[in-house]
Amino acid sequence: MTIPILRTDEYLIIGTVPPHPERTAMVEADGGLLMWDELADTIYPAAKVFDLDRAADWLWEIYGAESIRGILGGDDDIDPVAVSPCCVRPNGWRTSNGPEAGGRSPH
């Protein structure tokens, strides 16, 4: 799976921003935002990065160490390697730990 990287003078976008704002969940992180469509079956969230130096501290946890080298090195796309499925699938806890699976919610 290849994930595109769009670079501008002000920010970079890793992945594809969800097309439906009414279904898009966002998490603010140091130096950027993570975004995903709550109803889509995507594995990796998109990231809009405003400060790459600060975001580098957590981007590797989402996309993998090799991918962060490409992101920092100016690559146009990355081949992510997930560190943890729960880390990259924002609502993955529902399938593994959620009430419908007999588990507990993390909240």
PDB file of N, CA and C in Angstrom:
ATOM      1  N   MET A   1       0.847  -1.175   0.000  1.00  0.00           N
ATOM      2  CA  MET A   1       0.000   0.000   0.000  1.00  0.00           C
ATOM      3  C   MET A   1       0.892   1.236   0.000  1.00  0.00           C
ATOM      4  N   THR A   2       0.668   2.105  -0.954  1.00  0.00           N
ATOM      5  CA  THR A   2       1.427   3.348  -1.047  1.00  0.00           C
ATOM      6  C   THR A   2       0.521   4.502  -0.654  1.00  0.00           C
ATOM      7  N   ILE A   3       1.055   5.394   0.154  1.00  0.00           N
ATOM      8  CA  ILE A   3       0.312   6.561   0.613  1.00  0.00           C
ATOM      9  C   ILE A   3       0.974   7.808   0.026  1.00  0.00           C
ATOM     10  N   PRO A   4       0.200   8.661  -0.663  1.00  0.00           N
ATOM     11  CA  PRO A   4       0.782   9.865  -1.274  1.00  0.00           C
ATOM     12  C   PRO A   4       1.095  10.947  -0.238  1.00  0.00           C
ATOM     13  N   ILE A   5       2.059  11.786  -0.582  1.00  0.00           N
ATOM     14  CA  ILE A   5       2.406  12.941   0.242  1.00  0.00           C
ATOM     15  C   ILE A   5       2.314  14.180  -0.633  1.00  0.00           C
ATOM     16  N   LEU A   6       1.499  15.132  -0.220  1.00  0.00           N
ATOM     17  CA  LEU A   6       1.365  16.409  -0.910  1.00  0.00           C
ATOM     18  C   LEU A   6       2.122  17.452  -0.096  1.00  0.00           C
ATOM     19  N   ARG A   7       3.049  18.147  -0.727  1.00  0.00           N
ATOM     20  CA  ARG A   7       3.859  19.153  -0.036  1.00  0.00           C
ATOM     21  C   ARG A   7       3.542  20.545  -0.576  1.00  0.00           C
ATOM     22  N   THR A   8       3.306  21.484   0.335  1.00  0.00           N
ATOM     23  CA  THR A   8       3.130  22.888  -0.040  1.00  0.00           C
ATOM     24  C   THR A   8       4.132  23.693   0.786  1.00  0.00           C
ATOM     25  N   ASP A   9       4.137  25.001   0.597  1.00  0.00           N
ATOM     26  CA  ASP A   9       5.035  25.853   1.386  1.00  0.00           C
ATOM     27  C   ASP A   9       4.606  25.935   2.849  1.00  0.00           C
ATOM     28  N   GLU A  10       3.320  25.691   3.131  1.00  0.00           N
ATOM     29  CA  GLU A  10       2.792  25.871   4.480  1.00  0.00           C
ATOM     30  C   GLU A  10       2.587  24.577   5.252  1.00  0.00           C
ATOM     31  N   TYR A  11       2.378  23.465   4.567  1.00  0.00           N
ATOM     32  CA  TYR A  11       2.087  22.204   5.252  1.00  0.00           C
ATOM     33  C   TYR A  11       2.331  21.042   4.308  1.00  0.00           C
ATOM     34  N   LEU A  12       2.197  19.828   4.834  1.00  0.00           N
ATOM     35  CA  LEU A  12       2.169  18.652   3.979  1.00  0.00           C
ATOM     36  C   LEU A  12       1.011  17.779   4.413  1.00  0.00           C
ATOM     37  N   ILE A  13       0.472  17.055   3.451  1.00  0.00           N
ATOM     38  CA  ILE A  13      -0.626  16.132   3.730  1.00  0.00           C
ATOM     39  C   ILE A  13      -0.152  14.737   3.377  1.00  0.00           C
ATOM     40  N   ILE A  14      -0.242  13.852   4.347  1.00  0.00           N
ATOM     41  CA  ILE A  14       0.116  12.456   4.156  1.00  0.00           C
ATOM     42  C   ILE A  14      -1.194  11.686   4.018  1.00  0.00           C
ATOM     43  N   GLY A  15      -1.377  11.001   2.905  1.00  0.00           N
ATOM     44  CA  GLY A  15      -2.625  10.287   2.672  1.00  0.00           C
ATOM     45  C   GLY A  15      -3.655  11.177   2.010  1.00  0.00           C
ATOM     46  N   THR A  16      -4.884  10.725   2.053  1.00  0.00           N
ATOM     47  CA  THR A  16      -5.987  11.441   1.419  1.00  0.00           C
ATOM     48  C   THR A  16      -6.939  11.959   2.483  1.00  0.00           C
ATOM     49  N   VAL A  17      -7.173  13.257   2.462  1.00  0.00           N
ATOM     50  CA  VAL A  17      -8.109  13.862   3.407  1.00  0.00           C
ATOM     51  C   VAL A  17      -9.495  13.290   3.125  1.00  0.00           C
ATOM     52  N   PRO A  18     -10.212  12.850   4.154  1.00  0.00           N
ATOM     53  CA  PRO A  18     -11.552  12.291   3.939  1.00  0.00           C
ATOM     54  C   PRO A  18     -12.459  13.285   3.203  1.00  0.00           C
ATOM     55  N   PRO A  19     -13.222  12.801   2.218  1.00  0.00           N
ATOM     56  CA  PRO A  19     -14.038  13.695   1.394  1.00  0.00           C
ATOM     57  C   PRO A  19     -15.341  14.160   2.038  1.00  0.00           C
ATOM     58  N   HIS A  20     -15.723  13.557   3.155  1.00  0.00           N
ATOM     59  CA  HIS A  20     -17.001  13.907   3.788  1.00  0.00           C
ATOM     60  C   HIS A  20     -16.740  14.556   5.147  1.00  0.00           C
ATOM     61  N   PRO A  21     -16.736  15.890   5.224  1.00  0.00           N
ATOM     62  CA  PRO A  21     -16.432  16.554   6.494  1.00  0.00           C
ATOM     63  C   PRO A  21     -17.381  16.167   7.629  1.00  0.00           C
ATOM     64  N   GLU A  22     -18.632  15.861   7.285  1.00  0.00           N
ATOM     65  CA  GLU A  22     -19.603  15.515   8.325  1.00  0.00           C
ATOM     66  C   GLU A  22     -19.308  14.164   8.976  1.00  0.00           C
ATOM     67  N   ARG A  23     -18.457  13.346   8.351  1.00  0.00           N
ATOM     68  CA  ARG A  23     -18.098  12.033   8.900  1.00  0.00           C
ATOM     69  C   ARG A  23     -16.634  11.964   9.325  1.00  0.00           C
ATOM     70  N   THR A  24     -15.940  13.087   9.243  1.00  0.00           N
ATOM     71  CA  THR A  24     -14.507  13.104   9.499  1.00  0.00           C
ATOM     72  C   THR A  24     -14.215  13.363  10.970  1.00  0.00           C
ATOM     73  N   ALA A  25     -13.430  12.472  11.547  1.00  0.00           N
ATOM     74  CA  ALA A  25     -12.945  12.666  12.916  1.00  0.00           C
ATOM     75  C   ALA A  25     -11.532  13.223  12.822  1.00  0.00           C
ATOM     76  N   MET A  26     -11.180  14.083  13.779  1.00  0.00           N
ATOM     77  CA  MET A  26      -9.839  14.673  13.799  1.00  0.00           C
ATOM     78  C   MET A  26      -9.274  14.628  15.205  1.00  0.00           C
ATOM     79  N   VAL A  27      -7.971  14.447  15.250  1.00  0.00           N
ATOM     80  CA  VAL A  27      -7.246  14.519  16.508  1.00  0.00           C
ATOM     81  C   VAL A  27      -6.095  15.492  16.303  1.00  0.00           C
ATOM     82  N   GLU A  28      -6.019  16.491  17.160  1.00  0.00           N
ATOM     83  CA  GLU A  28      -4.909  17.429  17.083  1.00  0.00           C
ATOM     84  C   GLU A  28      -3.700  16.811  17.765  1.00  0.00           C
ATOM     85  N   ALA A  29      -2.588  16.839  17.076  1.00  0.00           N
ATOM     86  CA  ALA A  29      -1.344  16.301  17.610  1.00  0.00           C
ATOM     87  C   ALA A  29      -0.286  17.399  17.520  1.00  0.00           C
ATOM     88  N   ASP A  30       0.826  17.194  18.164  1.00  0.00           N
ATOM     89  CA  ASP A  30       1.895  18.179  18.164  1.00  0.00           C
ATOM     90  C   ASP A  30       2.406  18.394  16.735  1.00  0.00           C
ATOM     91  N   GLY A  31       2.150  19.557  16.169  1.00  0.00           N
ATOM     92  CA  GLY A  31       2.612  19.878  14.831  1.00  0.00           C
ATOM     93  C   GLY A  31       1.686  19.488  13.703  1.00  0.00           C
ATOM     94  N   GLY A  32       0.498  18.957  14.006  1.00  0.00           N
ATOM     95  CA  GLY A  32      -0.388  18.563  12.918  1.00  0.00           C
ATOM     96  C   GLY A  32      -1.721  18.008  13.374  1.00  0.00           C
ATOM     97  N   LEU A  33      -2.453  17.460  12.417  1.00  0.00           N
ATOM     98  CA  LEU A  33      -3.761  16.866  12.668  1.00  0.00           C
ATOM     99  C   LEU A  33      -3.816  15.477  12.043  1.00  0.00           C
ATOM    100  N   LEU A  34      -4.501  14.565  12.698  1.00  0.00           N
ATOM    101  CA  LEU A  34      -4.830  13.264  12.111  1.00  0.00           C
ATOM    102  C   LEU A  34      -6.305  13.300  11.753  1.00  0.00           C
ATOM    103  N   MET A  35      -6.650  12.732  10.589  1.00  0.00           N
ATOM    104  CA  MET A  35      -8.034  12.758  10.119  1.00  0.00           C
ATOM    105  C   MET A  35      -8.405  11.400   9.545  1.00  0.00           C
ATOM    106  N   TRP A  36      -9.650  10.972   9.786  1.00  0.00           N
ATOM    107  CA  TRP A  36     -10.146   9.743   9.185  1.00  0.00           C
ATOM    108  C   TRP A  36     -11.656   9.805   9.083  1.00  0.00           C
ATOM    109  N   ASP A  37     -12.183   9.052   8.139  1.00  0.00           N
ATOM    110  CA  ASP A  37     -13.620   8.949   7.928  1.00  0.00           C
ATOM    111  C   ASP A  37     -14.139   7.877   8.884  1.00  0.00           C
ATOM    112  N   GLU A  38     -15.040   8.246   9.750  1.00  0.00           N
ATOM    113  CA  GLU A  38     -15.583   7.323  10.751  1.00  0.00           C
ATOM    114  C   GLU A  38     -16.305   6.128  10.148  1.00  0.00           C
ATOM    115  N   LEU A  39     -16.828   6.269   8.944  1.00  0.00           N
ATOM    116  CA  LEU A  39     -17.598   5.190   8.345  1.00  0.00           C
ATOM    117  C   LEU A  39     -16.807   4.384   7.317  1.00  0.00           C
ATOM    118  N   ALA A  40     -15.638   4.853   6.947  1.00  0.00           N
ATOM    119  CA  ALA A  40     -14.826   4.148   5.946  1.00  0.00           C
ATOM    120  C   ALA A  40     -13.982   3.075   6.616  1.00  0.00           C
ATOM    121  N   ASP A  41     -13.618   2.101   5.833  1.00  0.00           N
ATOM    122  CA  ASP A  41     -12.791   1.003   6.342  1.00  0.00           C
ATOM    123  C   ASP A  41     -11.330   1.245   5.956  1.00  0.00           C
ATOM    124  N   THR A  42     -10.798   2.373   6.408  1.00  0.00           N
ATOM    125  CA  THR A  42      -9.407   2.712   6.102  1.00  0.00           C
ATOM    126  C   THR A  42      -8.503   2.225   7.218  1.00  0.00           C
ATOM    127  N   ILE A  43      -7.263   1.955   6.866  1.00  0.00           N
ATOM    128  CA  ILE A  43      -6.304   1.472   7.858  1.00  0.00           C
ATOM    129  C   ILE A  43      -5.517   2.626   8.460  1.00  0.00           C
ATOM    130  N   TYR A  44      -5.015   3.510   7.600  1.00  0.00           N
ATOM    131  CA  TYR A  44      -4.180   4.616   8.056  1.00  0.00           C
ATOM    132  C   TYR A  44      -4.941   5.928   7.997  1.00  0.00           C
ATOM    133  N   PRO A  45      -4.833   6.754   9.030  1.00  0.00           N
ATOM    134  CA  PRO A  45      -5.443   8.079   8.966  1.00  0.00           C
ATOM    135  C   PRO A  45      -4.608   8.982   8.060  1.00  0.00           C
ATOM    136  N   ALA A  46      -5.224  10.043   7.567  1.00  0.00           N
ATOM    137  CA  ALA A  46      -4.480  11.081   6.855  1.00  0.00           C
ATOM    138  C   ALA A  46      -3.884  12.011   7.909  1.00  0.00           C
ATOM    139  N   ALA A  47      -2.801  12.681   7.555  1.00  0.00           N
ATOM    140  CA  ALA A  47      -2.184  13.640   8.470  1.00  0.00           C
ATOM    141  C   ALA A  47      -1.926  14.939   7.725  1.00  0.00           C
ATOM    142  N   LYS A  48      -2.314  16.041   8.342  1.00  0.00           N
ATOM    143  CA  LYS A  48      -1.967  17.367   7.836  1.00  0.00           C
ATOM    144  C   LYS A  48      -0.937  17.922   8.806  1.00  0.00           C
ATOM    145  N   VAL A  49       0.274  18.120   8.315  1.00  0.00           N
ATOM    146  CA  VAL A  49       1.394  18.482   9.172  1.00  0.00           C
ATOM    147  C   VAL A  49       1.798  19.934   8.931  1.00  0.00           C
ATOM    148  N   PHE A  50       1.798  20.721  10.000  1.00  0.00           N
ATOM    149  CA  PHE A  50       2.173  22.130   9.927  1.00  0.00           C
ATOM    150  C   PHE A  50       3.614  22.353  10.390  1.00  0.00           C
ATOM    151  N   ASP A  51       4.099  21.509  11.293  1.00  0.00           N
ATOM    152  CA  ASP A  51       5.458  21.608  11.819  1.00  0.00           C
ATOM    153  C   ASP A  51       6.070  20.207  11.803  1.00  0.00           C
ATOM    154  N   LEU A  52       6.829  19.923  10.767  1.00  0.00           N
ATOM    155  CA  LEU A  52       7.360  18.577  10.558  1.00  0.00           C
ATOM    156  C   LEU A  52       8.333  18.154  11.661  1.00  0.00           C
ATOM    157  N   ASP A  53       9.110  19.084  12.174  1.00  0.00           N
ATOM    158  CA  ASP A  53      10.048  18.729  13.250  1.00  0.00           C
ATOM    159  C   ASP A  53       9.310  18.223  14.485  1.00  0.00           C
ATOM    160  N   ARG A  54       8.236  18.900  14.854  1.00  0.00           N
ATOM    161  CA  ARG A  54       7.458  18.474  16.025  1.00  0.00           C
ATOM    162  C   ARG A  54       6.671  17.204  15.732  1.00  0.00           C
ATOM    163  N   ALA A  55       6.087  17.105  14.542  1.00  0.00           N
ATOM    164  CA  ALA A  55       5.271  15.944  14.191  1.00  0.00           C
ATOM    165  C   ALA A  55       6.106  14.678  14.013  1.00  0.00           C
ATOM    166  N   ALA A  56       7.377  14.820  13.709  1.00  0.00           N
ATOM    167  CA  ALA A  56       8.243  13.643  13.520  1.00  0.00           C
ATOM    168  C   ALA A  56       8.284  12.773  14.771  1.00  0.00           C
ATOM    169  N   ASP A  57       8.026  13.362  15.926  1.00  0.00           N
ATOM    170  CA  ASP A  57       8.025  12.595  17.179  1.00  0.00           C
ATOM    171  C   ASP A  57       6.913  11.560  17.243  1.00  0.00           C
ATOM    172  N   TRP A  58       5.830  11.757  16.511  1.00  0.00           N
ATOM    173  CA  TRP A  58       4.726  10.794  16.540  1.00  0.00           C
ATOM    174  C   TRP A  58       4.394  10.182  15.184  1.00  0.00           C
ATOM    175  N   LEU A  59       4.793  10.802  14.080  1.00  0.00           N
ATOM    176  CA  LEU A  59       4.474  10.248  12.760  1.00  0.00           C
ATOM    177  C   LEU A  59       5.005   8.833  12.567  1.00  0.00           C
ATOM    178  N   TRP A  60       6.183   8.545  13.094  1.00  0.00           N
ATOM    179  CA  TRP A  60       6.755   7.205  12.927  1.00  0.00           C
ATOM    180  C   TRP A  60       5.880   6.149  13.586  1.00  0.00           C
ATOM    181  N   GLU A  61       5.162   6.528  14.652  1.00  0.00           N
ATOM    182  CA  GLU A  61       4.293   5.560  15.325  1.00  0.00           C
ATOM    183  C   GLU A  61       3.079   5.202  14.466  1.00  0.00           C
ATOM    184  N   ILE A  62       2.676   6.099  13.599  1.00  0.00           N
ATOM    185  CA  ILE A  62       1.539   5.851  12.722  1.00  0.00           C
ATOM    186  C   ILE A  62       1.968   5.111  11.454  1.00  0.00           C
ATOM    187  N   TYR A  63       3.007   5.612  10.823  1.00  0.00           N
ATOM    188  CA  TYR A  63       3.389   5.107   9.502  1.00  0.00           C
ATOM    189  C   TYR A  63       4.640   4.223   9.487  1.00  0.00           C
ATOM    190  N   GLY A  64       5.369   4.115  10.595  1.00  0.00           N
ATOM    191  CA  GLY A  64       6.563   3.281  10.665  1.00  0.00           C
ATOM    192  C   GLY A  64       7.852   4.081  10.499  1.00  0.00           C
ATOM    193  N   ALA A  65       8.936   3.531  11.017  1.00  0.00           N
ATOM    194  CA  ALA A  65      10.227   4.221  11.014  1.00  0.00           C
ATOM    195  C   ALA A  65      10.750   4.460   9.600  1.00  0.00           C
ATOM    196  N   GLU A  66      10.610   3.492   8.716  1.00  0.00           N
ATOM    197  CA  GLU A  66      11.086   3.680   7.334  1.00  0.00           C
ATOM    198  C   GLU A  66      10.307   4.795   6.642  1.00  0.00           C
ATOM    199  N   SER A  67       9.026   4.880   6.917  1.00  0.00           N
ATOM    200  CA  SER A  67       8.198   5.913   6.295  1.00  0.00           C
ATOM    201  C   SER A  67       8.597   7.304   6.754  1.00  0.00           C
ATOM    202  N   ILE A  68       8.937   7.459   8.016  1.00  0.00           N
ATOM    203  CA  ILE A  68       9.318   8.791   8.497  1.00  0.00           C
ATOM    204  C   ILE A  68      10.590   9.260   7.810  1.00  0.00           C
ATOM    205  N   ARG A  69      11.474   8.338   7.474  1.00  0.00           N
ATOM    206  CA  ARG A  69      12.676   8.726   6.718  1.00  0.00           C
ATOM    207  C   ARG A  69      12.292   9.302   5.359  1.00  0.00           C
ATOM    208  N   GLY A  70      11.307   8.686   4.710  1.00  0.00           N
ATOM    209  CA  GLY A  70      10.833   9.202   3.430  1.00  0.00           C
ATOM    210  C   GLY A  70      10.118  10.528   3.563  1.00  0.00           C
ATOM    211  N   ILE A  71       9.337  10.670   4.617  1.00  0.00           N
ATOM    212  CA  ILE A  71       8.614  11.922   4.853  1.00  0.00           C
ATOM    213  C   ILE A  71       9.613  13.056   5.077  1.00  0.00           C
ATOM    214  N   LEU A  72      10.590  12.826   5.941  1.00  0.00           N
ATOM    215  CA  LEU A  72      11.602  13.845   6.231  1.00  0.00           C
ATOM    216  C   LEU A  72      12.525  14.063   5.032  1.00  0.00           C
ATOM    217  N   GLY A  73      12.719  13.024   4.235  1.00  0.00           N
ATOM    218  CA  GLY A  73      13.634  13.113   3.107  1.00  0.00           C
ATOM    219  C   GLY A  73      13.039  13.699   1.838  1.00  0.00           C
ATOM    220  N   GLY A  74      11.763  14.038   1.835  1.00  0.00           N
ATOM    221  CA  GLY A  74      11.157  14.682   0.682  1.00  0.00           C
ATOM    222  C   GLY A  74      10.499  13.746  -0.311  1.00  0.00           C
ATOM    223  N   ASP A  75      10.280  12.477   0.051  1.00  0.00           N
ATOM    224  CA  ASP A  75       9.619  11.540  -0.866  1.00  0.00           C
ATOM    225  C   ASP A  75       8.196  11.997  -1.202  1.00  0.00           C
ATOM    226  N   ASP A  76       7.710  11.563  -2.367  1.00  0.00           N
ATOM    227  CA  ASP A  76       6.347  11.903  -2.803  1.00  0.00           C
ATOM    228  C   ASP A  76       5.304  10.903  -2.328  1.00  0.00           C
ATOM    229  N   ASP A  77       5.754   9.750  -1.836  1.00  0.00           N
ATOM    230  CA  ASP A  77       4.845   8.752  -1.276  1.00  0.00           C
ATOM    231  C   ASP A  77       5.629   7.845  -0.335  1.00  0.00           C
ATOM    232  N   ILE A  78       4.899   7.086   0.471  1.00  0.00           N
ATOM    233  CA  ILE A  78       5.508   6.176   1.436  1.00  0.00           C
ATOM    234  C   ILE A  78       4.792   4.837   1.393  1.00  0.00           C
ATOM    235  N   ASP A  79       5.499   3.809   1.826  1.00  0.00           N
ATOM    236  CA  ASP A  79       4.922   2.479   2.014  1.00  0.00           C
ATOM    237  C   ASP A  79       4.949   2.219   3.519  1.00  0.00           C
ATOM    238  N   PRO A  80       3.857   2.523   4.213  1.00  0.00           N
ATOM    239  CA  PRO A  80       3.868   2.434   5.673  1.00  0.00           C
ATOM    240  C   PRO A  80       3.973   1.010   6.193  1.00  0.00           C
ATOM    241  N   VAL A  81       4.577   0.900   7.360  1.00  0.00           N
ATOM    242  CA  VAL A  81       4.644  -0.361   8.095  1.00  0.00           C
ATOM    243  C   VAL A  81       4.073  -0.058   9.472  1.00  0.00           C
ATOM    244  N   ALA A  82       2.921  -0.629   9.754  1.00  0.00           N
ATOM    245  CA  ALA A  82       2.231  -0.338  11.010  1.00  0.00           C
ATOM    246  C   ALA A  82       3.018  -0.845  12.203  1.00  0.00           C
ATOM    247  N   VAL A  83       3.114   0.006  13.216  1.00  0.00           N
ATOM    248  CA  VAL A  83       3.732  -0.391  14.468  1.00  0.00           C
ATOM    249  C   VAL A  83       2.738  -1.201  15.283  1.00  0.00           C
ATOM    250  N   SER A  84       1.491  -0.773  15.293  1.00  0.00           N
ATOM    251  CA  SER A  84       0.438  -1.448  16.038  1.00  0.00           C
ATOM    252  C   SER A  84      -0.887  -1.203  15.339  1.00  0.00           C
ATOM    253  N   PRO A  85      -1.681  -2.243  15.069  1.00  0.00           N
ATOM    254  CA  PRO A  85      -2.964  -2.030  14.411  1.00  0.00           C
ATOM    255  C   PRO A  85      -3.870  -1.061  15.163  1.00  0.00           C
ATOM    256  N   CYS A  86      -3.835  -1.059  16.470  1.00  0.00           N
ATOM    257  CA  CYS A  86      -4.671  -0.122  17.234  1.00  0.00           C
ATOM    258  C   CYS A  86      -4.162   1.300  17.077  1.00  0.00           C
ATOM    259  N   CYS A  87      -2.886   1.424  16.844  1.00  0.00           N
ATOM    260  CA  CYS A  87      -2.309   2.754  16.669  1.00  0.00           C
ATOM    261  C   CYS A  87      -2.761   3.364  15.349  1.00  0.00           C
ATOM    262  N   VAL A  88      -2.808   2.576  14.284  1.00  0.00           N
ATOM    263  CA  VAL A  88      -3.120   3.130  12.978  1.00  0.00           C
ATOM    264  C   VAL A  88      -4.598   3.082  12.633  1.00  0.00           C
ATOM    265  N   ARG A  89      -5.357   2.238  13.249  1.00  0.00           N
ATOM    266  CA  ARG A  89      -6.793   2.176  12.962  1.00  0.00           C
ATOM    267  C   ARG A  89      -7.521   2.888  14.076  1.00  0.00           C
ATOM    268  N   PRO A  90      -7.829   4.170  13.869  1.00  0.00           N
ATOM    269  CA  PRO A  90      -8.372   4.990  14.948  1.00  0.00           C
ATOM    270  C   PRO A  90      -9.548   4.375  15.678  1.00  0.00           C
ATOM    271  N   ASN A  91     -10.430   3.682  14.983  1.00  0.00           N
ATOM    272  CA  ASN A  91     -11.551   3.071  15.685  1.00  0.00           C
ATOM    273  C   ASN A  91     -11.382   1.558  15.755  1.00  0.00           C
ATOM    274  N   GLY A  92     -10.149   1.076  15.607  1.00  0.00           N
ATOM    275  CA  GLY A  92      -9.871  -0.355  15.676  1.00  0.00           C
ATOM    276  C   GLY A  92     -10.142  -0.955  17.042  1.00  0.00           C
ATOM    277  N   TRP A  93     -10.082  -0.135  18.089  1.00  0.00           N
ATOM    278  CA  TRP A  93     -10.365  -0.669  19.423  1.00  0.00           C
ATOM    279  C   TRP A  93     -11.779  -1.225  19.501  1.00  0.00           C
ATOM    280  N   ARG A  94     -12.669  -0.693  18.669  1.00  0.00           N
ATOM    281  CA  ARG A  94     -14.055  -1.173  18.690  1.00  0.00           C
ATOM    282  C   ARG A  94     -14.143  -2.635  18.292  1.00  0.00           C
ATOM    283  N   THR A  95     -13.323  -3.036  17.330  1.00  0.00           N
ATOM    284  CA  THR A  95     -13.390  -4.412  16.871  1.00  0.00           C
ATOM    285  C   THR A  95     -12.651  -5.360  17.804  1.00  0.00           C
ATOM    286  N   SER A  96     -11.682  -4.848  18.556  1.00  0.00           N
ATOM    287  CA  SER A  96     -10.925  -5.740  19.425  1.00  0.00           C
ATOM    288  C   SER A  96     -11.351  -5.648  20.892  1.00  0.00           C
ATOM    289  N   ASN A  97     -11.771  -4.466  21.335  1.00  0.00           N
ATOM    290  CA  ASN A  97     -12.073  -4.282  22.750  1.00  0.00           C
ATOM    291  C   ASN A  97     -13.451  -3.696  23.025  1.00  0.00           C
ATOM    292  N   GLY A  98     -14.151  -3.337  21.999  1.00  0.00           N
ATOM    293  CA  GLY A  98     -15.430  -2.660  22.188  1.00  0.00           C
ATOM    294  C   GLY A  98     -16.503  -3.556  22.766  1.00  0.00           C
ATOM    295  N   PRO A  99     -17.584  -2.961  23.203  1.00  0.00           N
ATOM    296  CA  PRO A  99     -18.670  -3.707  23.835  1.00  0.00           C
ATOM    297  C   PRO A  99     -19.216  -4.832  22.961  1.00  0.00           C
ATOM    298  N   GLU A 100     -19.262  -4.595  21.626  1.00  0.00           N
ATOM    299  CA  GLU A 100     -19.788  -5.640  20.760  1.00  0.00           C
ATOM    300  C   GLU A 100     -18.865  -6.850  20.683  1.00  0.00           C
ATOM    301  N   ALA A 101     -17.599  -6.683  21.070  1.00  0.00           N
ATOM    302  CA  ALA A 101     -16.647  -7.797  21.086  1.00  0.00           C
ATOM    303  C   ALA A 101     -16.524  -8.378  22.486  1.00  0.00           C
ATOM    304  N   GLY A 102     -17.310  -7.857  23.412  1.00  0.00           N
ATOM    305  CA  GLY A 102     -17.255  -8.346  24.779  1.00  0.00           C
ATOM    306  C   GLY A 102     -16.158  -7.704  25.603  1.00  0.00           C
ATOM    307  N   GLY A 103     -15.492  -6.700  25.018  1.00  0.00           N
ATOM    308  CA  GLY A 103     -14.392  -6.025  25.728  1.00  0.00           C
ATOM    309  C   GLY A 103     -14.860  -4.746  26.368  1.00  0.00           C
ATOM    310  N   ARG A 104     -13.914  -3.985  26.843  1.00  0.00           N
ATOM    311  CA  ARG A 104     -14.200  -2.718  27.507  1.00  0.00           C
ATOM    312  C   ARG A 104     -13.786  -1.557  26.637  1.00  0.00           C
ATOM    313  N   SER A 105     -14.534  -0.504  26.665  1.00  0.00           N
ATOM    314  CA  SER A 105     -14.174   0.720  25.969  1.00  0.00           C
ATOM    315  C   SER A 105     -13.002   1.363  26.709  1.00  0.00           C
ATOM    316  N   PRO A 106     -12.057   2.003  25.978  1.00  0.00           N
ATOM    317  CA  PRO A 106     -10.947   2.657  26.658  1.00  0.00           C
ATOM    318  C   PRO A 106     -11.319   3.961  27.328  1.00  0.00           C
ATOM    319  N   HIS A 107     -12.570   4.435  27.178  1.00  0.00           N
ATOM    320  CA  HIS A 107     -12.978   5.732  27.740  1.00  0.00           C
ATOM    321  C   HIS A 107     -13.679   5.544  29.052  1.00  0.00           C
TER     322      HIS A 107
END
